[in-house]
Amino acid sequence: MKERHEGKEITQMCKMIAAVGLIVGFSLFLLSFVASGYNKDFFLTIVSLGIIGASMFMFGFGTFMGILTETYRNTKKSM
C-alpha cells in the first residue's frame, strides 16, 4: 500500500499557487509601466505588489505547514 506524504502535497500545492500568483503579479507590474493611461493613481502597481506579497506569504506559510506535517508524522512514527 502506497504511503501518502501530506506534507509534500501541501508544499507542492502552495508552490504552484505561489508560482501562478508571482507570474500574474509580475505581469501586472510590467503592465503598469506600459499602460500609463490606466495607471493614473498607481492602482495597477499597488495591486500587483499586493499579489506578489500574498504569493510570497502563501509560499512561506505552505512550506511551514508542510514541514510541520512531516515532522509530526515522523515524531508519531518514532513513538
C-alpha atoms as a PDB file:
ATOM      1  CA  MET A   1       0.000   0.000   0.000  1.00  0.00           C
ATOM      2  CA  LYS A   2       1.367   3.366  -1.004  1.00  0.00           C
ATOM      3  CA  GLU A   3       2.001   5.914   1.755  1.00  0.00           C
ATOM      4  CA  ARG A   4       0.681   9.429   1.378  1.00  0.00           C
ATOM      5  CA  HIS A   5       3.056  12.266   2.071  1.00  0.00           C
ATOM      6  CA  GLU A   6       0.679  15.034   3.070  1.00  0.00           C
ATOM      7  CA  GLY A   7       3.478  17.462   3.884  1.00  0.00           C
ATOM      8  CA  LYS A   8       4.904  17.176   0.385  1.00  0.00           C
ATOM      9  CA  GLU A   9       1.440  17.538  -1.156  1.00  0.00           C
ATOM     10  CA  ILE A  10       0.784  20.723   0.822  1.00  0.00           C
ATOM     11  CA  THR A  11       4.175  22.141  -0.106  1.00  0.00           C
ATOM     12  CA  GLN A  12       3.727  21.291  -3.794  1.00  0.00           C
ATOM     13  CA  MET A  13       0.238  22.829  -3.893  1.00  0.00           C
ATOM     14  CA  CYS A  14       1.446  26.056  -2.265  1.00  0.00           C
ATOM     15  CA  LYS A  15       4.397  26.218  -4.656  1.00  0.00           C
ATOM     16  CA  MET A  16       2.042  26.049  -7.625  1.00  0.00           C
ATOM     17  CA  ILE A  17      -0.307  28.689  -6.194  1.00  0.00           C
ATOM     18  CA  ALA A  18       2.633  30.968  -5.403  1.00  0.00           C
ATOM     19  CA  ALA A  19       4.109  30.490  -8.880  1.00  0.00           C
ATOM     20  CA  VAL A  20       0.841  31.459 -10.563  1.00  0.00           C
ATOM     21  CA  GLY A  21       0.475  34.455  -8.246  1.00  0.00           C
ATOM     22  CA  LEU A  22       4.020  35.612  -8.954  1.00  0.00           C
ATOM     23  CA  ILE A  23       3.521  35.336 -12.704  1.00  0.00           C
ATOM     24  CA  VAL A  24       0.235  37.276 -12.556  1.00  0.00           C
ATOM     25  CA  GLY A  25       1.671  39.876 -10.174  1.00  0.00           C
ATOM     26  CA  PHE A  26       4.846  40.379 -12.204  1.00  0.00           C
ATOM     27  CA  SER A  27       2.932  40.668 -15.474  1.00  0.00           C
ATOM     28  CA  LEU A  28       0.579  43.258 -13.920  1.00  0.00           C
ATOM     29  CA  PHE A  29       3.602  45.103 -12.556  1.00  0.00           C
ATOM     30  CA  LEU A  30       5.147  45.293 -16.021  1.00  0.00           C
ATOM     31  CA  LEU A  31       1.778  46.258 -17.498  1.00  0.00           C
ATOM     32  CA  SER A  32       1.511  49.129 -15.015  1.00  0.00           C
ATOM     33  CA  PHE A  33       4.564  50.765 -16.619  1.00  0.00           C
ATOM     34  CA  VAL A  34       3.304  50.323 -20.177  1.00  0.00           C
ATOM     35  CA  ALA A  35      -0.370  51.221 -19.684  1.00  0.00           C
ATOM     36  CA  SER A  36       0.092  54.624 -18.099  1.00  0.00           C
ATOM     37  CA  GLY A  37      -3.424  55.749 -19.125  1.00  0.00           C
ATOM     38  CA  TYR A  38      -4.951  53.156 -16.816  1.00  0.00           C
ATOM     39  CA  ASN A  39      -2.407  53.744 -14.052  1.00  0.00           C
ATOM     40  CA  LYS A  40      -3.069  57.346 -13.043  1.00  0.00           C
ATOM     41  CA  ASP A  41      -3.259  56.630  -9.314  1.00  0.00           C
ATOM     42  CA  PHE A  42      -0.752  53.744  -9.459  1.00  0.00           C
ATOM     43  CA  PHE A  43      -3.639  51.326  -8.911  1.00  0.00           C
ATOM     44  CA  LEU A  44      -2.146  48.533 -11.047  1.00  0.00           C
ATOM     45  CA  THR A  45       1.211  48.895  -9.317  1.00  0.00           C
ATOM     46  CA  ILE A  46      -0.345  48.607  -5.860  1.00  0.00           C
ATOM     47  CA  VAL A  47      -2.487  45.623  -6.858  1.00  0.00           C
ATOM     48  CA  SER A  48       0.434  43.834  -8.490  1.00  0.00           C
ATOM     49  CA  LEU A  49       2.690  44.349  -5.476  1.00  0.00           C
ATOM     50  CA  GLY A  50      -0.127  43.082  -3.254  1.00  0.00           C
ATOM     51  CA  ILE A  51      -0.473  39.931  -5.365  1.00  0.00           C
ATOM     52  CA  ILE A  52       3.288  39.358  -5.254  1.00  0.00           C
ATOM     53  CA  GLY A  53       3.349  39.840  -1.476  1.00  0.00           C
ATOM     54  CA  ALA A  54       0.401  37.480  -0.978  1.00  0.00           C
ATOM     55  CA  SER A  55       2.110  34.858  -3.146  1.00  0.00           C
ATOM     56  CA  MET A  56       5.291  35.108  -1.113  1.00  0.00           C
ATOM     57  CA  PHE A  57       3.291  34.783   2.113  1.00  0.00           C
ATOM     58  CA  MET A  58       1.420  31.768   0.718  1.00  0.00           C
ATOM     59  CA  PHE A  59       4.684  30.076  -0.216  1.00  0.00           C
ATOM     60  CA  GLY A  60       6.173  30.671   3.226  1.00  0.00           C
ATOM     61  CA  PHE A  61       3.048  29.517   5.066  1.00  0.00           C
ATOM     62  CA  GLY A  62       2.664  26.436   2.855  1.00  0.00           C
ATOM     63  CA  THR A  63       6.292  25.473   3.346  1.00  0.00           C
ATOM     64  CA  PHE A  64       5.898  25.884   7.107  1.00  0.00           C
ATOM     65  CA  MET A  65       2.751  23.740   7.163  1.00  0.00           C
ATOM     66  CA  GLY A  66       4.397  21.048   5.014  1.00  0.00           C
ATOM     67  CA  ILE A  67       7.438  20.869   7.273  1.00  0.00           C
ATOM     68  CA  LEU A  68       5.215  20.832  10.357  1.00  0.00           C
ATOM     69  CA  THR A  69       3.113  17.962   8.979  1.00  0.00           C
ATOM     70  CA  GLU A  70       6.149  15.875   8.040  1.00  0.00           C
ATOM     71  CA  THR A  71       7.780  16.489  11.406  1.00  0.00           C
ATOM     72  CA  TYR A  72       4.597  15.499  13.246  1.00  0.00           C
ATOM     73  CA  ARG A  73       4.311  12.328  11.162  1.00  0.00           C
ATOM     74  CA  ASN A  74       7.953  11.363  11.850  1.00  0.00           C
ATOM     75  CA  THR A  75       7.565  12.046  15.584  1.00  0.00           C
ATOM     76  CA  LYS A  76       4.395   9.965  15.705  1.00  0.00           C
ATOM     77  CA  LYS A  77       6.112   7.010  13.952  1.00  0.00           C
ATOM     78  CA  SER A  78       9.124   7.029  16.288  1.00  0.00           C
ATOM     79  CA  MET A  79       6.946   6.728  19.428  1.00  0.00           C
END
